[in-house]
PDB file of N, CA and C in Angstrom:
ATOM      1  N   UNK A   1      64.729  11.060   6.591  1.00  0.00           N
ATOM      2  CA  UNK A   1      64.050  10.004   5.887  1.00  0.00           C
ATOM      3  C   UNK A   1      64.509  10.004   4.429  1.00  0.00           C
ATOM      4  N   UNK A   2      64.783   8.826   3.882  1.00  0.00           N
ATOM      5  CA  UNK A   2      65.211   8.691   2.494  1.00  0.00           C
ATOM      6  C   UNK A   2      64.032   8.886   1.548  1.00  0.00           C
ATOM      7  N   UNK A   3      64.369   9.490   0.415  1.00  0.00           N
ATOM      8  CA  UNK A   3      63.368   9.560  -0.638  1.00  0.00           C
ATOM      9  C   UNK A   3      63.331   8.215  -1.359  1.00  0.00           C
ATOM     10  N   UNK A   4      62.260   7.971  -2.034  1.00  0.00           N
ATOM     11  CA  UNK A   4      62.109   6.704  -2.737  1.00  0.00           C
ATOM     12  C   UNK A   4      63.276   6.500  -3.692  1.00  0.00           C
ATOM     13  N   UNK A   5      63.927   5.348  -3.533  1.00  0.00           N
ATOM     14  CA  UNK A   5      65.025   4.992  -4.429  1.00  0.00           C
ATOM     15  C   UNK A   5      66.367   5.555  -4.027  1.00  0.00           C
ATOM     16  N   UNK A   6      66.387   6.554  -3.114  1.00  0.00           N
ATOM     17  CA  UNK A   6      67.647   7.165  -2.728  1.00  0.00           C
ATOM     18  C   UNK A   6      68.436   6.209  -1.842  1.00  0.00           C
ATOM     19  N   UNK A   7      69.710   6.074  -2.109  1.00  0.00           N
ATOM     20  CA  UNK A   7      70.569   5.238  -1.298  1.00  0.00           C
ATOM     21  C   UNK A   7      70.472   3.758  -1.624  1.00  0.00           C
ATOM     22  N   UNK A   8      69.719   3.407  -2.603  1.00  0.00           N
ATOM     23  CA  UNK A   8      69.591   1.996  -2.993  1.00  0.00           C
ATOM     24  C   UNK A   8      70.367   1.763  -4.276  1.00  0.00           C
ATOM     25  N   UNK A   9      70.883   0.571  -4.392  1.00  0.00           N
ATOM     26  CA  UNK A   9      71.536   0.202  -5.653  1.00  0.00           C
ATOM     27  C   UNK A   9      70.460  -0.066  -6.689  1.00  0.00           C
ATOM     28  N   UNK A  10      70.718   0.402  -7.879  1.00  0.00           N
ATOM     29  CA  UNK A  10      69.768   0.118  -8.945  1.00  0.00           C
ATOM     30  C   UNK A  10      69.833  -1.365  -9.261  1.00  0.00           C
ATOM     31  N   UNK A  11      68.697  -1.914  -9.570  1.00  0.00           N
ATOM     32  CA  UNK A  11      68.646  -3.339  -9.903  1.00  0.00           C
ATOM     33  C   UNK A  11      69.477  -3.598 -11.156  1.00  0.00           C
ATOM     34  N   UNK A  12      70.318  -4.583 -11.055  1.00  0.00           N
ATOM     35  CA  UNK A  12      71.133  -4.944 -12.218  1.00  0.00           C
ATOM     36  C   UNK A  12      70.345  -5.889 -13.101  1.00  0.00           C
ATOM     37  N   UNK A  13      70.502  -5.705 -14.387  1.00  0.00           N
ATOM     38  CA  UNK A  13      69.818  -6.578 -15.329  1.00  0.00           C
ATOM     39  C   UNK A  13      70.410  -7.978 -15.234  1.00  0.00           C
ATOM     40  N   UNK A  14      69.538  -8.954 -15.259  1.00  0.00           N
ATOM     41  CA  UNK A  14      69.988 -10.344 -15.230  1.00  0.00           C
ATOM     42  C   UNK A  14      70.663 -10.670 -16.557  1.00  0.00           C
ATOM     43  N   UNK A  15      71.784 -11.373 -16.502  1.00  0.00           N
ATOM     44  CA  UNK A  15      72.401 -11.763 -17.769  1.00  0.00           C
ATOM     45  C   UNK A  15      71.507 -12.759 -18.509  1.00  0.00           C
ATOM     46  N   UNK A  16      71.559 -12.692 -19.802  1.00  0.00           N
ATOM     47  CA  UNK A  16      70.762 -13.605 -20.616  1.00  0.00           C
ATOM     48  C   UNK A  16      71.272 -15.028 -20.424  1.00  0.00           C
ATOM     49  N   UNK A  17      70.363 -15.997 -20.403  1.00  0.00           N
ATOM     50  CA  UNK A  17      70.789 -17.386 -20.216  1.00  0.00           C
ATOM     51  C   UNK A  17      71.501 -17.937 -21.450  1.00  0.00           C
ATOM     52  N   UNK A  18      72.388 -18.889 -21.212  1.00  0.00           N
ATOM     53  CA  UNK A  18      73.028 -19.566 -22.345  1.00  0.00           C
ATOM     54  C   UNK A  18      71.980 -20.320 -23.150  1.00  0.00           C
ATOM     55  N   UNK A  19      71.098 -21.008 -22.458  1.00  0.00           N
ATOM     56  CA  UNK A  19      70.034 -21.739 -23.133  1.00  0.00           C
ATOM     57  C   UNK A  19      68.816 -21.772 -22.221  1.00  0.00           C
ATOM     58  N   UNK A  20      67.711 -21.283 -22.718  1.00  0.00           N
ATOM     59  CA  UNK A  20      66.473 -21.229 -21.948  1.00  0.00           C
ATOM     60  C   UNK A  20      65.680 -22.510 -22.204  1.00  0.00           C
ATOM     61  N   UNK A  21      65.624 -23.417 -21.224  1.00  0.00           N
ATOM     62  CA  UNK A  21      64.927 -24.682 -21.443  1.00  0.00           C
ATOM     63  C   UNK A  21      63.429 -24.498 -21.675  1.00  0.00           C
ATOM     64  N   UNK A  22      62.857 -23.432 -21.134  1.00  0.00           N
ATOM     65  CA  UNK A  22      61.429 -23.170 -21.343  1.00  0.00           C
ATOM     66  C   UNK A  22      61.171 -22.903 -22.828  1.00  0.00           C
ATOM     67  N   UNK A  23      62.013 -22.068 -23.434  1.00  0.00           N
ATOM     68  CA  UNK A  23      61.879 -21.759 -24.864  1.00  0.00           C
ATOM     69  C   UNK A  23      62.063 -23.026 -25.701  1.00  0.00           C
ATOM     70  N   UNK A  24      63.074 -23.812 -25.378  1.00  0.00           N
ATOM     71  CA  UNK A  24      63.326 -25.049 -26.116  1.00  0.00           C
ATOM     72  C   UNK A  24      62.145 -26.006 -25.965  1.00  0.00           C
ATOM     73  N   UNK A  25      61.623 -26.124 -24.757  1.00  0.00           N
ATOM     74  CA  UNK A  25      60.452 -26.980 -24.528  1.00  0.00           C
ATOM     75  C   UNK A  25      59.256 -26.525 -25.342  1.00  0.00           C
ATOM     76  N   UNK A  26      59.050 -25.217 -25.373  1.00  0.00           N
ATOM     77  CA  UNK A  26      57.913 -24.672 -26.117  1.00  0.00           C
ATOM     78  C   UNK A  26      58.049 -24.983 -27.613  1.00  0.00           C
ATOM     79  N   UNK A  27      59.255 -24.816 -28.127  1.00  0.00           N
ATOM     80  CA  UNK A  27      59.477 -25.049 -29.567  1.00  0.00           C
ATOM     81  C   UNK A  27      59.383 -26.524 -29.949  1.00  0.00           C
ATOM     82  N   UNK A  28      59.676 -27.402 -28.996  1.00  0.00           N
ATOM     83  CA  UNK A  28      59.684 -28.843 -29.298  1.00  0.00           C
ATOM     84  C   UNK A  28      58.501 -29.568 -28.661  1.00  0.00           C
ATOM     85  N   UNK A  29      57.590 -28.811 -28.073  1.00  0.00           N
ATOM     86  CA  UNK A  29      56.403 -29.371 -27.412  1.00  0.00           C
ATOM     87  C   UNK A  29      56.785 -30.406 -26.363  1.00  0.00           C
ATOM     88  N   UNK A  30      57.936 -30.189 -25.705  1.00  0.00           N
ATOM     89  CA  UNK A  30      58.369 -31.066 -24.626  1.00  0.00           C
ATOM     90  C   UNK A  30      58.908 -32.413 -25.069  1.00  0.00           C
ATOM     91  N   UNK A  31      59.062 -32.616 -26.353  1.00  0.00           N
ATOM     92  CA  UNK A  31      59.541 -33.896 -26.878  1.00  0.00           C
ATOM     93  C   UNK A  31      61.064 -33.974 -26.718  1.00  0.00           C
ATOM     94  N   UNK A  32      61.532 -34.822 -25.812  1.00  0.00           N
ATOM     95  CA  UNK A  32      62.962 -34.918 -25.502  1.00  0.00           C
ATOM     96  C   UNK A  32      63.792 -35.353 -26.711  1.00  0.00           C
ATOM     97  N   UNK A  33      63.285 -36.286 -27.488  1.00  0.00           N
ATOM     98  CA  UNK A  33      64.030 -36.739 -28.685  1.00  0.00           C
ATOM     99  C   UNK A  33      64.165 -35.610 -29.692  1.00  0.00           C
ATOM    100  N   UNK A  34      63.104 -34.847 -29.860  1.00  0.00           N
ATOM    101  CA  UNK A  34      63.148 -33.712 -30.780  1.00  0.00           C
ATOM    102  C   UNK A  34      64.118 -32.650 -30.271  1.00  0.00           C
ATOM    103  N   UNK A  35      64.171 -32.457 -28.970  1.00  0.00           N
ATOM    104  CA  UNK A  35      65.115 -31.493 -28.403  1.00  0.00           C
ATOM    105  C   UNK A  35      66.558 -31.878 -28.728  1.00  0.00           C
ATOM    106  N   UNK A  36      66.868 -33.144 -28.626  1.00  0.00           N
ATOM    107  CA  UNK A  36      68.217 -33.619 -28.953  1.00  0.00           C
ATOM    108  C   UNK A  36      68.528 -33.336 -30.420  1.00  0.00           C
ATOM    109  N   UNK A  37      67.574 -33.609 -31.291  1.00  0.00           N
ATOM    110  CA  UNK A  37      67.764 -33.345 -32.724  1.00  0.00           C
ATOM    111  C   UNK A  37      67.929 -31.856 -32.998  1.00  0.00           C
ATOM    112  N   UNK A  38      67.079 -31.054 -32.378  1.00  0.00           N
ATOM    113  CA  UNK A  38      67.137 -29.602 -32.574  1.00  0.00           C
ATOM    114  C   UNK A  38      68.491 -29.066 -32.115  1.00  0.00           C
ATOM    115  N   UNK A  39      68.953 -29.519 -30.959  1.00  0.00           N
ATOM    116  CA  UNK A  39      70.231 -29.036 -30.441  1.00  0.00           C
ATOM    117  C   UNK A  39      71.406 -29.493 -31.306  1.00  0.00           C
ATOM    118  N   UNK A  40      71.334 -30.700 -31.839  1.00  0.00           N
ATOM    119  CA  UNK A  40      72.396 -31.177 -32.737  1.00  0.00           C
ATOM    120  C   UNK A  40      72.448 -30.310 -33.993  1.00  0.00           C
ATOM    121  N   UNK A  41      71.291 -30.016 -34.555  1.00  0.00           N
ATOM    122  CA  UNK A  41      71.235 -29.137 -35.733  1.00  0.00           C
ATOM    123  C   UNK A  41      71.688 -27.722 -35.375  1.00  0.00           C
ATOM    124  N   UNK A  42      71.302 -27.256 -34.204  1.00  0.00           N
ATOM    125  CA  UNK A  42      71.688 -25.936 -33.738  1.00  0.00           C
ATOM    126  C   UNK A  42      73.209 -25.806 -33.690  1.00  0.00           C
ATOM    127  N   UNK A  43      73.868 -26.782 -33.093  1.00  0.00           N
ATOM    128  CA  UNK A  43      75.329 -26.753 -32.982  1.00  0.00           C
ATOM    129  C   UNK A  43      75.964 -26.675 -34.368  1.00  0.00           C
ATOM    130  N   UNK A  44      75.509 -27.522 -35.269  1.00  0.00           N
ATOM    131  CA  UNK A  44      76.054 -27.538 -36.632  1.00  0.00           C
ATOM    132  C   UNK A  44      75.839 -26.202 -37.333  1.00  0.00           C
ATOM    133  N   UNK A  45      74.638 -25.654 -37.212  1.00  0.00           N
ATOM    134  CA  UNK A  45      74.317 -24.390 -37.888  1.00  0.00           C
ATOM    135  C   UNK A  45      75.076 -23.214 -37.283  1.00  0.00           C
ATOM    136  N   UNK A  46      75.219 -23.195 -35.980  1.00  0.00           N
ATOM    137  CA  UNK A  46      75.964 -22.107 -35.342  1.00  0.00           C
ATOM    138  C   UNK A  46      77.415 -22.126 -35.823  1.00  0.00           C
ATOM    139  N   UNK A  47      78.010 -23.302 -35.853  1.00  0.00           N
ATOM    140  CA  UNK A  47      79.403 -23.405 -36.313  1.00  0.00           C
ATOM    141  C   UNK A  47      79.529 -22.941 -37.770  1.00  0.00           C
ATOM    142  N   UNK A  48      78.589 -23.355 -38.611  1.00  0.00           N
ATOM    143  CA  UNK A  48      78.613 -22.969 -40.032  1.00  0.00           C
ATOM    144  C   UNK A  48      78.431 -21.465 -40.195  1.00  0.00           C
ATOM    145  N   UNK A  49      77.452 -20.902 -39.505  1.00  0.00           N
ATOM    146  CA  UNK A  49      77.186 -19.471 -39.622  1.00  0.00           C
ATOM    147  C   UNK A  49      78.341 -18.633 -39.094  1.00  0.00           C
ATOM    148  N   UNK A  50      78.956 -19.058 -38.006  1.00  0.00           N
ATOM    149  CA  UNK A  50      80.095 -18.303 -37.463  1.00  0.00           C
ATOM    150  C   UNK A  50      81.270 -18.299 -38.437  1.00  0.00           C
ATOM    151  N   UNK A  51      81.521 -19.422 -39.088  1.00  0.00           N
ATOM    152  CA  UNK A  51      82.589 -19.447 -40.096  1.00  0.00           C
ATOM    153  C   UNK A  51      82.265 -18.466 -41.214  1.00  0.00           C
ATOM    154  N   UNK A  52      81.020 -18.421 -41.639  1.00  0.00           N
ATOM    155  CA  UNK A  52      80.619 -17.506 -42.702  1.00  0.00           C
ATOM    156  C   UNK A  52      80.724 -16.053 -42.250  1.00  0.00           C
ATOM    157  N   UNK A  53      80.374 -15.776 -41.017  1.00  0.00           N
ATOM    158  CA  UNK A  53      80.495 -14.411 -40.483  1.00  0.00           C
ATOM    159  C   UNK A  53      81.958 -13.992 -40.498  1.00  0.00           C
ATOM    160  N   UNK A  54      82.825 -14.862 -40.010  1.00  0.00           N
ATOM    161  CA  UNK A  54      84.250 -14.541 -39.916  1.00  0.00           C
ATOM    162  C   UNK A  54      84.907 -14.413 -41.290  1.00  0.00           C
ATOM    163  N   UNK A  55      84.451 -15.204 -42.257  1.00  0.00           N
ATOM    164  CA  UNK A  55      85.068 -15.207 -43.586  1.00  0.00           C
ATOM    165  C   UNK A  55      84.484 -14.185 -44.552  1.00  0.00           C
ATOM    166  N   UNK A  56      83.347 -13.594 -44.206  1.00  0.00           N
ATOM    167  CA  UNK A  56      82.657 -12.689 -45.131  1.00  0.00           C
ATOM    168  C   UNK A  56      83.477 -11.427 -45.375  1.00  0.00           C
ATOM    169  N   UNK A  57      83.744 -11.169 -46.651  1.00  0.00           N
ATOM    170  CA  UNK A  57      84.445  -9.939 -47.026  1.00  0.00           C
ATOM    171  C   UNK A  57      83.452  -8.796 -47.249  1.00  0.00           C
ATOM    172  N   UNK A  58      82.233  -9.168 -47.582  1.00  0.00           N
ATOM    173  CA  UNK A  58      81.181  -8.201 -47.887  1.00  0.00           C
ATOM    174  C   UNK A  58      80.358  -7.906 -46.630  1.00  0.00           C
ATOM    175  N   UNK A  59      80.225  -6.625 -46.237  1.00  0.00           N
ATOM    176  CA  UNK A  59      79.447  -6.282 -45.041  1.00  0.00           C
ATOM    177  C   UNK A  59      77.989  -6.745 -45.110  1.00  0.00           C
ATOM    178  N   UNK A  60      77.407  -6.720 -46.304  1.00  0.00           N
ATOM    179  CA  UNK A  60      76.016  -7.150 -46.433  1.00  0.00           C
ATOM    180  C   UNK A  60      75.888  -8.647 -46.147  1.00  0.00           C
ATOM    181  N   UNK A  61      76.806  -9.440 -46.672  1.00  0.00           N
ATOM    182  CA  UNK A  61      76.788 -10.879 -46.411  1.00  0.00           C
ATOM    183  C   UNK A  61      77.013 -11.142 -44.919  1.00  0.00           C
ATOM    184  N   UNK A  62      77.958 -10.418 -44.318  1.00  0.00           N
ATOM    185  CA  UNK A  62      78.214 -10.584 -42.884  1.00  0.00           C
ATOM    186  C   UNK A  62      76.945 -10.253 -42.097  1.00  0.00           C
ATOM    187  N   UNK A  63      76.274  -9.185 -42.467  1.00  0.00           N
ATOM    188  CA  UNK A  63      75.027  -8.814 -41.793  1.00  0.00           C
ATOM    189  C   UNK A  63      73.945  -9.867 -41.953  1.00  0.00           C
ATOM    190  N   UNK A  64      73.831 -10.421 -43.168  1.00  0.00           N
ATOM    191  CA  UNK A  64      72.843 -11.483 -43.407  1.00  0.00           C
ATOM    192  C   UNK A  64      73.119 -12.696 -42.527  1.00  0.00           C
ATOM    193  N   UNK A  65      74.366 -13.085 -42.422  1.00  0.00           N
ATOM    194  CA  UNK A  65      74.743 -14.251 -41.613  1.00  0.00           C
ATOM    195  C   UNK A  65      74.517 -13.968 -40.123  1.00  0.00           C
ATOM    196  N   UNK A  66      74.806 -12.745 -39.691  1.00  0.00           N
ATOM    197  CA  UNK A  66      74.557 -12.386 -38.295  1.00  0.00           C
ATOM    198  C   UNK A  66      73.065 -12.384 -37.988  1.00  0.00           C
ATOM    199  N   UNK A  67      72.237 -11.912 -38.922  1.00  0.00           N
ATOM    200  CA  UNK A  67      70.784 -11.954 -38.725  1.00  0.00           C
ATOM    201  C   UNK A  67      70.292 -13.397 -38.645  1.00  0.00           C
ATOM    202  N   UNK A  68      70.834 -14.263 -39.487  1.00  0.00           N
ATOM    203  CA  UNK A  68      70.458 -15.686 -39.455  1.00  0.00           C
ATOM    204  C   UNK A  68      70.872 -16.314 -38.118  1.00  0.00           C
ATOM    205  N   UNK A  69      72.050 -15.961 -37.637  1.00  0.00           N
ATOM    206  CA  UNK A  69      72.527 -16.472 -36.360  1.00  0.00           C
ATOM    207  C   UNK A  69      71.644 -15.974 -35.216  1.00  0.00           C
ATOM    208  N   UNK A  70      71.258 -14.715 -35.266  1.00  0.00           N
ATOM    209  CA  UNK A  70      70.374 -14.145 -34.252  1.00  0.00           C
ATOM    210  C   UNK A  70      69.043 -14.892 -34.223  1.00  0.00           C
ATOM    211  N   UNK A  71      68.449 -15.095 -35.384  1.00  0.00           N
ATOM    212  CA  UNK A  71      67.155 -15.784 -35.466  1.00  0.00           C
ATOM    213  C   UNK A  71      67.264 -17.226 -34.972  1.00  0.00           C
ATOM    214  N   UNK A  72      68.305 -17.916 -35.381  1.00  0.00           N
ATOM    215  CA  UNK A  72      68.510 -19.291 -34.945  1.00  0.00           C
ATOM    216  C   UNK A  72      68.630 -19.362 -33.424  1.00  0.00           C
ATOM    217  N   UNK A  73      69.416 -18.477 -32.867  1.00  0.00           N
ATOM    218  CA  UNK A  73      69.618 -18.467 -31.417  1.00  0.00           C
ATOM    219  C   UNK A  73      68.320 -18.142 -30.678  1.00  0.00           C
ATOM    220  N   UNK A  74      67.597 -17.149 -31.149  1.00  0.00           N
ATOM    221  CA  UNK A  74      66.326 -16.784 -30.499  1.00  0.00           C
ATOM    222  C   UNK A  74      65.334 -17.932 -30.548  1.00  0.00           C
ATOM    223  N   UNK A  75      65.232 -18.574 -31.705  1.00  0.00           N
ATOM    224  CA  UNK A  75      64.263 -19.659 -31.867  1.00  0.00           C
ATOM    225  C   UNK A  75      64.598 -20.870 -31.010  1.00  0.00           C
ATOM    226  N   UNK A  76      65.852 -21.034 -30.676  1.00  0.00           N
ATOM    227  CA  UNK A  76      66.273 -22.187 -29.883  1.00  0.00           C
ATOM    228  C   UNK A  76      66.339 -21.859 -28.398  1.00  0.00           C
ATOM    229  N   UNK A  77      66.330 -20.589 -28.055  1.00  0.00           N
ATOM    230  CA  UNK A  77      66.385 -20.191 -26.653  1.00  0.00           C
ATOM    231  C   UNK A  77      67.782 -19.837 -26.178  1.00  0.00           C
ATOM    232  N   UNK A  78      68.714 -19.644 -27.108  1.00  0.00           N
ATOM    233  CA  UNK A  78      70.083 -19.253 -26.761  1.00  0.00           C
ATOM    234  C   UNK A  78      70.148 -17.728 -26.699  1.00  0.00           C
ATOM    235  N   UNK A  79      69.637 -17.184 -25.608  1.00  0.00           N
ATOM    236  CA  UNK A  79      69.428 -15.745 -25.487  1.00  0.00           C
ATOM    237  C   UNK A  79      70.722 -14.935 -25.524  1.00  0.00           C
ATOM    238  N   UNK A  80      71.745 -15.366 -24.812  1.00  0.00           N
ATOM    239  CA  UNK A  80      73.006 -14.621 -24.798  1.00  0.00           C
ATOM    240  C   UNK A  80      73.627 -14.582 -26.195  1.00  0.00           C
ATOM    241  N   UNK A  81      73.626 -15.714 -26.867  1.00  0.00           N
ATOM    242  CA  UNK A  81      74.165 -15.768 -28.228  1.00  0.00           C
ATOM    243  C   UNK A  81      73.370 -14.835 -29.146  1.00  0.00           C
ATOM    244  N   UNK A  82      72.062 -14.835 -29.015  1.00  0.00           N
ATOM    245  CA  UNK A  82      71.219 -13.958 -29.839  1.00  0.00           C
ATOM    246  C   UNK A  82      71.554 -12.492 -29.575  1.00  0.00           C
ATOM    247  N   UNK A  83      71.728 -12.128 -28.307  1.00  0.00           N
ATOM    248  CA  UNK A  83      72.070 -10.742 -27.966  1.00  0.00           C
ATOM    249  C   UNK A  83      73.404 -10.327 -28.583  1.00  0.00           C
ATOM    250  N   UNK A  84      74.393 -11.200 -28.489  1.00  0.00           N
ATOM    251  CA  UNK A  84      75.715 -10.866 -28.997  1.00  0.00           C
ATOM    252  C   UNK A  84      75.744 -10.812 -30.526  1.00  0.00           C
ATOM    253  N   UNK A  85      75.003 -11.690 -31.175  1.00  0.00           N
ATOM    254  CA  UNK A  85      74.923 -11.651 -32.639  1.00  0.00           C
ATOM    255  C   UNK A  85      74.253 -10.360 -33.093  1.00  0.00           C
ATOM    256  N   UNK A  86      73.196  -9.972 -32.398  1.00  0.00           N
ATOM    257  CA  UNK A  86      72.496  -8.720 -32.736  1.00  0.00           C
ATOM    258  C   UNK A  86      73.404  -7.514 -32.492  1.00  0.00           C
ATOM    259  N   UNK A  87      74.159  -7.543 -31.404  1.00  0.00           N
ATOM    260  CA  UNK A  87      75.084  -6.442 -31.112  1.00  0.00           C
ATOM    261  C   UNK A  87      76.151  -6.329 -32.198  1.00  0.00           C
ATOM    262  N   UNK A  88      76.673  -7.454 -32.651  1.00  0.00           N
ATOM    263  CA  UNK A  88      77.677  -7.435 -33.723  1.00  0.00           C
ATOM    264  C   UNK A  88      77.068  -6.904 -35.014  1.00  0.00           C
ATOM    265  N   UNK A  89      75.828  -7.274 -35.279  1.00  0.00           N
ATOM    266  CA  UNK A  89      75.150  -6.798 -36.493  1.00  0.00           C
ATOM    267  C   UNK A  89      75.013  -5.280 -36.492  1.00  0.00           C
ATOM    268  N   UNK A  90      74.758  -4.696 -35.336  1.00  0.00           N
ATOM    269  CA  UNK A  90      74.595  -3.243 -35.273  1.00  0.00           C
ATOM    270  C   UNK A  90      75.909  -2.512 -35.534  1.00  0.00           C
ATOM    271  N   UNK A  91      77.033  -3.209 -35.430  1.00  0.00           N
ATOM    272  CA  UNK A  91      78.344  -2.606 -35.674  1.00  0.00           C
ATOM    273  C   UNK A  91      78.775  -2.679 -37.139  1.00  0.00           C
ATOM    274  N   UNK A  92      78.006  -3.345 -37.984  1.00  0.00           N
ATOM    275  CA  UNK A  92      78.378  -3.530 -39.393  1.00  0.00           C
ATOM    276  C   UNK A  92      78.601  -2.191 -40.081  1.00  0.00           C
ATOM    277  N   UNK A  93      77.755  -1.211 -39.813  1.00  0.00           N
ATOM    278  CA  UNK A  93      77.866   0.089 -40.458  1.00  0.00           C
ATOM    279  C   UNK A  93      79.166   0.804 -40.129  1.00  0.00           C
ATOM    280  N   UNK A  94      79.788   0.439 -39.018  1.00  0.00           N
ATOM    281  CA  UNK A  94      81.047   1.067 -38.600  1.00  0.00           C
ATOM    282  C   UNK A  94      82.263   0.342 -39.158  1.00  0.00           C
ATOM    283  N   UNK A  95      82.032  -0.630 -40.007  1.00  0.00           N
ATOM    284  CA  UNK A  95      83.142  -1.419 -40.549  1.00  0.00           C
ATOM    285  C   UNK A  95      83.052  -2.846 -40.055  1.00  0.00           C
ATOM    286  N   UNK A  96      84.188  -3.454 -39.833  1.00  0.00           N
ATOM    287  CA  UNK A  96      84.223  -4.826 -39.367  1.00  0.00           C
ATOM    288  C   UNK A  96      83.901  -4.844 -37.870  1.00  0.00           C
ATOM    289  N   UNK A  97      82.857  -5.575 -37.486  1.00  0.00           N
ATOM    290  CA  UNK A  97      82.479  -5.586 -36.069  1.00  0.00           C
ATOM    291  C   UNK A  97      83.479  -6.359 -35.219  1.00  0.00           C
ATOM    292  N   UNK A  98      83.535  -6.009 -33.955  1.00  0.00           N
ATOM    293  CA  UNK A  98      84.332  -6.755 -32.985  1.00  0.00           C
ATOM    294  C   UNK A  98      83.534  -8.007 -32.625  1.00  0.00           C
ATOM    295  N   UNK A  99      84.063  -9.158 -32.972  1.00  0.00           N
ATOM    296  CA  UNK A  99      83.350 -10.414 -32.758  1.00  0.00           C
ATOM    297  C   UNK A  99      83.762 -11.130 -31.475  1.00  0.00           C
ATOM    298  N   UNK A 100      84.553 -10.484 -30.653  1.00  0.00           N
ATOM    299  CA  UNK A 100      85.076 -11.128 -29.451  1.00  0.00           C
ATOM    300  C   UNK A 100      83.962 -11.644 -28.541  1.00  0.00           C
ATOM    301  N   UNK A 101      83.007 -10.797 -28.202  1.00  0.00           N
ATOM    302  CA  UNK A 101      81.912 -11.199 -27.301  1.00  0.00           C
ATOM    303  C   UNK A 101      81.038 -12.265 -27.953  1.00  0.00           C
ATOM    304  N   UNK A 102      80.824 -12.155 -29.249  1.00  0.00           N
ATOM    305  CA  UNK A 102      80.026 -13.152 -29.965  1.00  0.00           C
ATOM    306  C   UNK A 102      80.732 -14.501 -29.958  1.00  0.00           C
ATOM    307  N   UNK A 103      82.014 -14.514 -30.233  1.00  0.00           N
ATOM    308  CA  UNK A 103      82.763 -15.779 -30.218  1.00  0.00           C
ATOM    309  C   UNK A 103      82.723 -16.425 -28.840  1.00  0.00           C
ATOM    310  N   UNK A 104      82.817 -15.600 -27.808  1.00  0.00           N
ATOM    311  CA  UNK A 104      82.758 -16.125 -26.444  1.00  0.00           C
ATOM    312  C   UNK A 104      81.378 -16.707 -26.153  1.00  0.00           C
ATOM    313  N   UNK A 105      80.325 -16.008 -26.588  1.00  0.00           N
ATOM    314  CA  UNK A 105      78.959 -16.509 -26.387  1.00  0.00           C
ATOM    315  C   UNK A 105      78.749 -17.821 -27.133  1.00  0.00           C
ATOM    316  N   UNK A 106      79.270 -17.905 -28.347  1.00  0.00           N
ATOM    317  CA  UNK A 106      79.164 -19.142 -29.128  1.00  0.00           C
ATOM    318  C   UNK A 106      79.881 -20.274 -28.395  1.00  0.00           C
ATOM    319  N   UNK A 107      81.121 -20.032 -27.999  1.00  0.00           N
ATOM    320  CA  UNK A 107      81.902 -21.068 -27.319  1.00  0.00           C
ATOM    321  C   UNK A 107      81.215 -21.533 -26.036  1.00  0.00           C
ATOM    322  N   UNK A 108      80.744 -20.586 -25.242  1.00  0.00           N
ATOM    323  CA  UNK A 108      80.090 -20.944 -23.974  1.00  0.00           C
ATOM    324  C   UNK A 108      78.776 -21.684 -24.193  1.00  0.00           C
ATOM    325  N   UNK A 109      77.998 -21.248 -25.161  1.00  0.00           N
ATOM    326  CA  UNK A 109      76.713 -21.893 -25.439  1.00  0.00           C
ATOM    327  C   UNK A 109      76.917 -23.306 -25.953  1.00  0.00           C
ATOM    328  N   UNK A 110      77.822 -23.476 -26.911  1.00  0.00           N
ATOM    329  CA  UNK A 110      78.056 -24.814 -27.454  1.00  0.00           C
ATOM    330  C   UNK A 110      78.666 -25.735 -26.408  1.00  0.00           C
ATOM    331  N   UNK A 111      79.558 -25.217 -25.586  1.00  0.00           N
ATOM    332  CA  UNK A 111      80.146 -26.032 -24.515  1.00  0.00           C
ATOM    333  C   UNK A 111      79.054 -26.470 -23.526  1.00  0.00           C
ATOM    334  N   UNK A 112      78.134 -25.563 -23.202  1.00  0.00           N
ATOM    335  CA  UNK A 112      77.033 -25.880 -22.292  1.00  0.00           C
ATOM    336  C   UNK A 112      76.167 -26.987 -22.879  1.00  0.00           C
ATOM    337  N   UNK A 113      75.834 -26.865 -24.155  1.00  0.00           N
ATOM    338  CA  UNK A 113      74.992 -27.885 -24.809  1.00  0.00           C
ATOM    339  C   UNK A 113      75.712 -29.228 -24.831  1.00  0.00           C
ATOM    340  N   UNK A 114      76.981 -29.222 -25.179  1.00  0.00           N
ATOM    341  CA  UNK A 114      77.729 -30.480 -25.238  1.00  0.00           C
ATOM    342  C   UNK A 114      77.902 -31.095 -23.845  1.00  0.00           C
ATOM    343  N   UNK A 115      78.073 -30.265 -22.862  1.00  0.00           N
ATOM    344  CA  UNK A 115      78.289 -30.740 -21.486  1.00  0.00           C
ATOM    345  C   UNK A 115      76.992 -31.277 -20.876  1.00  0.00           C
ATOM    346  N   UNK A 116      75.903 -30.587 -21.085  1.00  0.00           N
ATOM    347  CA  UNK A 116      74.653 -30.944 -20.421  1.00  0.00           C
ATOM    348  C   UNK A 116      73.711 -31.769 -21.284  1.00  0.00           C
ATOM    349  N   UNK A 117      73.830 -31.607 -22.587  1.00  0.00           N
ATOM    350  CA  UNK A 117      72.916 -32.287 -23.488  1.00  0.00           C
ATOM    351  C   UNK A 117      71.482 -31.831 -23.328  1.00  0.00           C
ATOM    352  N   UNK A 118      71.310 -30.781 -22.534  1.00  0.00           N
ATOM    353  CA  UNK A 118      70.002 -30.223 -22.195  1.00  0.00           C
ATOM    354  C   UNK A 118      68.925 -31.060 -22.706  1.00  0.00           C
TER     355      UNK A 118
END
């Protein structure tokens, strides 16, 4: 007889969603027009913040921009982007963070928003 948990695959963590419509609905009180406005502003701000992250010579400024990006993503429901921005922020102390995963999350999230218009 197997012991509890023996021989079973451990549950894999679900990947974070590109955009959580429940979170967006909650923040916009279900107002579809407001959601469109919020997402348009989100796209613009993400692009601006990413340029600032990439161009920042000062680690403190880079960290500030990554924190702003994390907060923006969390507030809008872009969970994967928020996770990757936070992960990059934790690497600041080690020098210049690897932004590869963050750039991919940004590209995928913005492409999803542009494609679906959520």
